[in-house]
Amino acid sequence: MKKLSLKIKITVLSAVIVISATTAVFAHGGAMGVVKERMDLMSAIGKNMKSVASMVKGDAKFDPTAIEASAKSMAEQSTKINDLFPKGSLEKPTEALPSIWEDWGRFAQLSKDLETETNKLAEIATSGDKRAIMMQFAQTGKVCSTCHTNFRLKKD
């Protein structure tokens, strides 16, 4: 199988982020309590990802300082994820799947992986090395994608 270029991977990842962030705005209607809290948190992470994606794709001015700030914000936000998924919190309009609690260890590890990868992104951003930042952004996006694939309701 042919390997996709980094630029193509970033473009695809960016499209997924934009679609997810846009869909989230409409999906949050009626959410309450912990479901609303986690949807808001995930939306905030998505906005940060979208901001970084626009810079690595060249749609916005490349700003390593802004990337570092977004990555630090995501790292902090990621530490709150597990607390916002108490067992059985599946009230509509949640996008969470029961598989979260069936495979809690994996879900919790992905939250920790997100913290690790976003901290790496923040650290690499201080170098200003665009290629290294792009590569780490792709790694960060893989964590998001894996979690969404396994633990989030698929969009129509």
C-alpha atoms as a PDB file:
ATOM      1  CA  MET A   1       0.000   0.000   0.000  1.00  0.00           C
ATOM      2  CA  LYS A   2       1.314   3.422  -0.885  1.00  0.00           C
ATOM      3  CA  LYS A   3       2.132   5.684   2.022  1.00  0.00           C
ATOM      4  CA  LEU A   4       0.196   8.912   2.107  1.00  0.00           C
ATOM      5  CA  SER A   5       2.196  12.096   2.284  1.00  0.00           C
ATOM      6  CA  LEU A   6       2.199  14.051   5.516  1.00  0.00           C
ATOM      7  CA  LYS A   7       0.356  16.903   3.799  1.00  0.00           C
ATOM      8  CA  ILE A   8      -2.460  14.567   2.674  1.00  0.00           C
ATOM      9  CA  LYS A   9      -2.701  13.062   6.172  1.00  0.00           C
ATOM     10  CA  ILE A  10      -2.932  16.547   7.697  1.00  0.00           C
ATOM     11  CA  THR A  11      -5.598  17.585   5.159  1.00  0.00           C
ATOM     12  CA  VAL A  12      -7.728  14.520   5.891  1.00  0.00           C
ATOM     13  CA  LEU A  13      -7.285  14.963   9.639  1.00  0.00           C
ATOM     14  CA  SER A  14      -8.252  18.635   9.326  1.00  0.00           C
ATOM     15  CA  ALA A  15     -11.431  17.746   7.443  1.00  0.00           C
ATOM     16  CA  VAL A  16     -12.394  15.256  10.151  1.00  0.00           C
ATOM     17  CA  ILE A  17     -11.796  17.880  12.845  1.00  0.00           C
ATOM     18  CA  VAL A  18     -13.875  20.534  11.061  1.00  0.00           C
ATOM     19  CA  ILE A  19     -16.760  18.126  10.494  1.00  0.00           C
ATOM     20  CA  SER A  20     -16.623  16.909  14.106  1.00  0.00           C
ATOM     21  CA  ALA A  21     -16.522  20.434  15.521  1.00  0.00           C
ATOM     22  CA  THR A  22     -19.387  21.610  13.306  1.00  0.00           C
ATOM     23  CA  THR A  23     -21.518  18.575  14.113  1.00  0.00           C
ATOM     24  CA  ALA A  24     -20.856  18.994  17.837  1.00  0.00           C
ATOM     25  CA  VAL A  25     -22.410  22.459  17.888  1.00  0.00           C
ATOM     26  CA  PHE A  26     -25.730  21.076  16.674  1.00  0.00           C
ATOM     27  CA  ALA A  27     -25.563  17.868  18.714  1.00  0.00           C
ATOM     28  CA  HIS A  28     -25.263  19.638  22.071  1.00  0.00           C
ATOM     29  CA  GLY A  29     -28.830  20.934  22.027  1.00  0.00           C
ATOM     30  CA  GLY A  30     -30.626  19.707  25.116  1.00  0.00           C
ATOM     31  CA  ALA A  31     -27.567  18.241  26.817  1.00  0.00           C
ATOM     32  CA  MET A  32     -27.521  18.647  30.586  1.00  0.00           C
ATOM     33  CA  GLY A  33     -25.300  17.824  33.530  1.00  0.00           C
ATOM     34  CA  VAL A  34     -22.162  15.777  33.019  1.00  0.00           C
ATOM     35  CA  VAL A  35     -23.101  15.020  29.388  1.00  0.00           C
ATOM     36  CA  LYS A  36     -23.133  18.758  28.603  1.00  0.00           C
ATOM     37  CA  GLU A  37     -19.891  19.290  30.526  1.00  0.00           C
ATOM     38  CA  ARG A  38     -18.075  16.631  28.545  1.00  0.00           C
ATOM     39  CA  MET A  39     -19.553  17.763  25.229  1.00  0.00           C
ATOM     40  CA  ASP A  40     -18.353  21.289  26.003  1.00  0.00           C
ATOM     41  CA  LEU A  41     -14.908  19.981  26.948  1.00  0.00           C
ATOM     42  CA  MET A  42     -14.632  17.895  23.788  1.00  0.00           C
ATOM     43  CA  SER A  43     -15.771  20.893  21.716  1.00  0.00           C
ATOM     44  CA  ALA A  44     -13.027  23.001  23.290  1.00  0.00           C
ATOM     45  CA  ILE A  45     -10.441  20.345  22.424  1.00  0.00           C
ATOM     46  CA  GLY A  46     -11.867  20.202  18.884  1.00  0.00           C
ATOM     47  CA  LYS A  47     -11.582  23.990  18.499  1.00  0.00           C
ATOM     48  CA  ASN A  48      -7.941  23.853  19.543  1.00  0.00           C
ATOM     49  CA  MET A  49      -7.293  21.019  17.086  1.00  0.00           C
ATOM     50  CA  LYS A  50      -9.032  22.987  14.341  1.00  0.00           C
ATOM     51  CA  SER A  51      -6.905  26.045  15.098  1.00  0.00           C
ATOM     52  CA  VAL A  52      -3.672  24.069  14.882  1.00  0.00           C
ATOM     53  CA  ALA A  53      -4.890  22.244  11.768  1.00  0.00           C
ATOM     54  CA  SER A  54      -5.504  25.518   9.964  1.00  0.00           C
ATOM     55  CA  MET A  55      -1.911  26.574  10.675  1.00  0.00           C
ATOM     56  CA  VAL A  56      -0.239  23.310   9.668  1.00  0.00           C
ATOM     57  CA  LYS A  57      -2.315  23.190   6.475  1.00  0.00           C
ATOM     58  CA  GLY A  58      -1.360  26.744   5.596  1.00  0.00           C
ATOM     59  CA  ASP A  59      -4.908  28.119   5.804  1.00  0.00           C
ATOM     60  CA  ALA A  60      -3.817  30.420   8.641  1.00  0.00           C
ATOM     61  CA  LYS A  61      -0.498  32.052   9.481  1.00  0.00           C
ATOM     62  CA  PHE A  62       1.851  29.493  11.026  1.00  0.00           C
ATOM     63  CA  ASP A  63       2.378  30.587  14.622  1.00  0.00           C
ATOM     64  CA  PRO A  64       4.337  28.181  16.852  1.00  0.00           C
ATOM     65  CA  THR A  65       3.458  30.227  19.948  1.00  0.00           C
ATOM     66  CA  ALA A  66      -0.276  29.864  19.237  1.00  0.00           C
ATOM     67  CA  ILE A  67       0.227  26.148  18.549  1.00  0.00           C
ATOM     68  CA  GLU A  68       2.018  25.772  21.880  1.00  0.00           C
ATOM     69  CA  ALA A  69      -0.846  27.553  23.683  1.00  0.00           C
ATOM     70  CA  SER A  70      -3.472  25.373  21.978  1.00  0.00           C
ATOM     71  CA  ALA A  71      -1.517  22.221  22.785  1.00  0.00           C
ATOM     72  CA  LYS A  72      -1.112  23.207  26.443  1.00  0.00           C
ATOM     73  CA  SER A  73      -4.834  23.906  26.653  1.00  0.00           C
ATOM     74  CA  MET A  74      -5.629  20.490  25.165  1.00  0.00           C
ATOM     75  CA  ALA A  75      -3.203  18.800  27.568  1.00  0.00           C
ATOM     76  CA  GLU A  76      -4.954  20.430  30.520  1.00  0.00           C
ATOM     77  CA  GLN A  77      -8.399  19.601  29.132  1.00  0.00           C
ATOM     78  CA  SER A  78      -7.438  15.980  28.535  1.00  0.00           C
ATOM     79  CA  THR A  79      -6.800  15.486  32.260  1.00  0.00           C
ATOM     80  CA  LYS A  80     -10.521  16.103  32.896  1.00  0.00           C
ATOM     81  CA  ILE A  81     -11.928  13.623  30.359  1.00  0.00           C
ATOM     82  CA  ASN A  82     -12.189  10.506  32.511  1.00  0.00           C
ATOM     83  CA  ASP A  83     -14.021  12.322  35.319  1.00  0.00           C
ATOM     84  CA  LEU A  84     -16.699  13.416  32.845  1.00  0.00           C
ATOM     85  CA  PHE A  85     -17.607   9.828  31.930  1.00  0.00           C
ATOM     86  CA  PRO A  86     -19.174   8.366  35.066  1.00  0.00           C
ATOM     87  CA  LYS A  87     -20.424   4.830  34.475  1.00  0.00           C
ATOM     88  CA  GLY A  88     -23.655   4.705  32.502  1.00  0.00           C
ATOM     89  CA  SER A  89     -23.882   8.419  31.663  1.00  0.00           C
ATOM     90  CA  LEU A  90     -25.618   7.843  28.345  1.00  0.00           C
ATOM     91  CA  GLU A  91     -28.366  10.475  28.499  1.00  0.00           C
ATOM     92  CA  LYS A  92     -29.318  11.940  25.127  1.00  0.00           C
ATOM     93  CA  PRO A  93     -27.879  13.670  23.201  1.00  0.00           C
ATOM     94  CA  THR A  94     -24.650  11.944  24.229  1.00  0.00           C
ATOM     95  CA  GLU A  95     -22.383  10.595  21.525  1.00  0.00           C
ATOM     96  CA  ALA A  96     -20.673   8.252  23.994  1.00  0.00           C
ATOM     97  CA  LEU A  97     -20.955   4.527  23.361  1.00  0.00           C
ATOM     98  CA  PRO A  98     -21.378   1.877  26.086  1.00  0.00           C
ATOM     99  CA  SER A  99     -18.032   0.470  24.899  1.00  0.00           C
ATOM    100  CA  ILE A 100     -16.369   3.214  26.992  1.00  0.00           C
ATOM    101  CA  TRP A 101     -17.321   1.427  30.197  1.00  0.00           C
ATOM    102  CA  GLU A 102     -16.916  -2.045  28.695  1.00  0.00           C
ATOM    103  CA  ASP A 103     -13.276  -1.224  27.875  1.00  0.00           C
ATOM    104  CA  TRP A 104     -12.584   1.476  30.453  1.00  0.00           C
ATOM    105  CA  GLY A 105      -8.864   0.676  30.592  1.00  0.00           C
ATOM    106  CA  ARG A 106      -8.389   1.419  26.917  1.00  0.00           C
ATOM    107  CA  PHE A 107     -10.553   4.547  27.070  1.00  0.00           C
ATOM    108  CA  ALA A 108      -8.657   5.856  30.101  1.00  0.00           C
ATOM    109  CA  GLN A 109      -5.339   5.102  28.385  1.00  0.00           C
ATOM    110  CA  LEU A 110      -6.390   7.073  25.297  1.00  0.00           C
ATOM    111  CA  SER A 111      -7.190  10.064  27.534  1.00  0.00           C
ATOM    112  CA  LYS A 112      -3.699   9.754  29.033  1.00  0.00           C
ATOM    113  CA  ASP A 113      -2.222   9.359  25.535  1.00  0.00           C
ATOM    114  CA  LEU A 114      -3.950  12.580  24.488  1.00  0.00           C
ATOM    115  CA  GLU A 115      -2.339  14.386  27.401  1.00  0.00           C
ATOM    116  CA  THR A 116       1.060  12.922  26.498  1.00  0.00           C
ATOM    117  CA  GLU A 117       0.811  13.741  22.784  1.00  0.00           C
ATOM    118  CA  THR A 118      -0.484  17.275  23.321  1.00  0.00           C
ATOM    119  CA  ASN A 119       2.321  17.934  25.817  1.00  0.00           C
ATOM    120  CA  LYS A 120       4.783  16.716  23.174  1.00  0.00           C
ATOM    121  CA  LEU A 121       3.134  19.026  20.633  1.00  0.00           C
ATOM    122  CA  ALA A 122       3.511  21.982  23.014  1.00  0.00           C
ATOM    123  CA  GLU A 123       7.170  21.140  23.569  1.00  0.00           C
ATOM    124  CA  ILE A 124       7.926  20.693  19.866  1.00  0.00           C
ATOM    125  CA  ALA A 125       6.098  23.933  19.045  1.00  0.00           C
ATOM    126  CA  THR A 126       8.728  25.855  21.016  1.00  0.00           C
ATOM    127  CA  SER A 127      11.299  24.776  18.409  1.00  0.00           C
ATOM    128  CA  GLY A 128       9.357  26.426  15.581  1.00  0.00           C
ATOM    129  CA  ASP A 129      10.216  23.417  13.365  1.00  0.00           C
ATOM    130  CA  LYS A 130       7.169  23.255  11.102  1.00  0.00           C
ATOM    131  CA  ARG A 131       7.777  19.714   9.871  1.00  0.00           C
ATOM    132  CA  ALA A 132       8.276  18.370  13.402  1.00  0.00           C
ATOM    133  CA  ILE A 133       5.139  20.194  14.541  1.00  0.00           C
ATOM    134  CA  MET A 134       3.162  18.754  11.624  1.00  0.00           C
ATOM    135  CA  MET A 135       4.351  15.238  12.426  1.00  0.00           C
ATOM    136  CA  GLN A 136       3.460  15.575  16.106  1.00  0.00           C
ATOM    137  CA  PHE A 137       0.092  17.093  15.220  1.00  0.00           C
ATOM    138  CA  ALA A 138      -0.603  14.005  13.099  1.00  0.00           C
ATOM    139  CA  GLN A 139       0.314  11.785  16.088  1.00  0.00           C
ATOM    140  CA  THR A 140      -2.026  13.785  18.298  1.00  0.00           C
ATOM    141  CA  GLY A 141      -4.802  13.448  15.735  1.00  0.00           C
ATOM    142  CA  LYS A 142      -4.356   9.664  15.682  1.00  0.00           C
ATOM    143  CA  VAL A 143      -5.259   9.524  19.371  1.00  0.00           C
ATOM    144  CA  CYS A 144      -8.421  11.562  18.753  1.00  0.00           C
ATOM    145  CA  SER A 145      -9.347   9.437  15.762  1.00  0.00           C
ATOM    146  CA  THR A 146      -8.806   6.147  17.605  1.00  0.00           C
ATOM    147  CA  CYS A 147     -11.007   7.245  20.482  1.00  0.00           C
ATOM    148  CA  HIS A 148     -13.739   8.575  18.192  1.00  0.00           C
ATOM    149  CA  THR A 149     -13.697   5.386  16.132  1.00  0.00           C
ATOM    150  CA  ASN A 150     -14.035   3.080  19.122  1.00  0.00           C
ATOM    151  CA  PHE A 151     -15.991   5.062  21.681  1.00  0.00           C
ATOM    152  CA  ARG A 152     -18.113   7.669  19.898  1.00  0.00           C
ATOM    153  CA  LEU A 153     -21.392   7.318  18.042  1.00  0.00           C
ATOM    154  CA  LYS A 154     -20.776   7.300  14.299  1.00  0.00           C
ATOM    155  CA  LYS A 155     -22.236  10.219  12.371  1.00  0.00           C
ATOM    156  CA  ASP A 156     -24.785   9.623   9.614  1.00  0.00           C
END
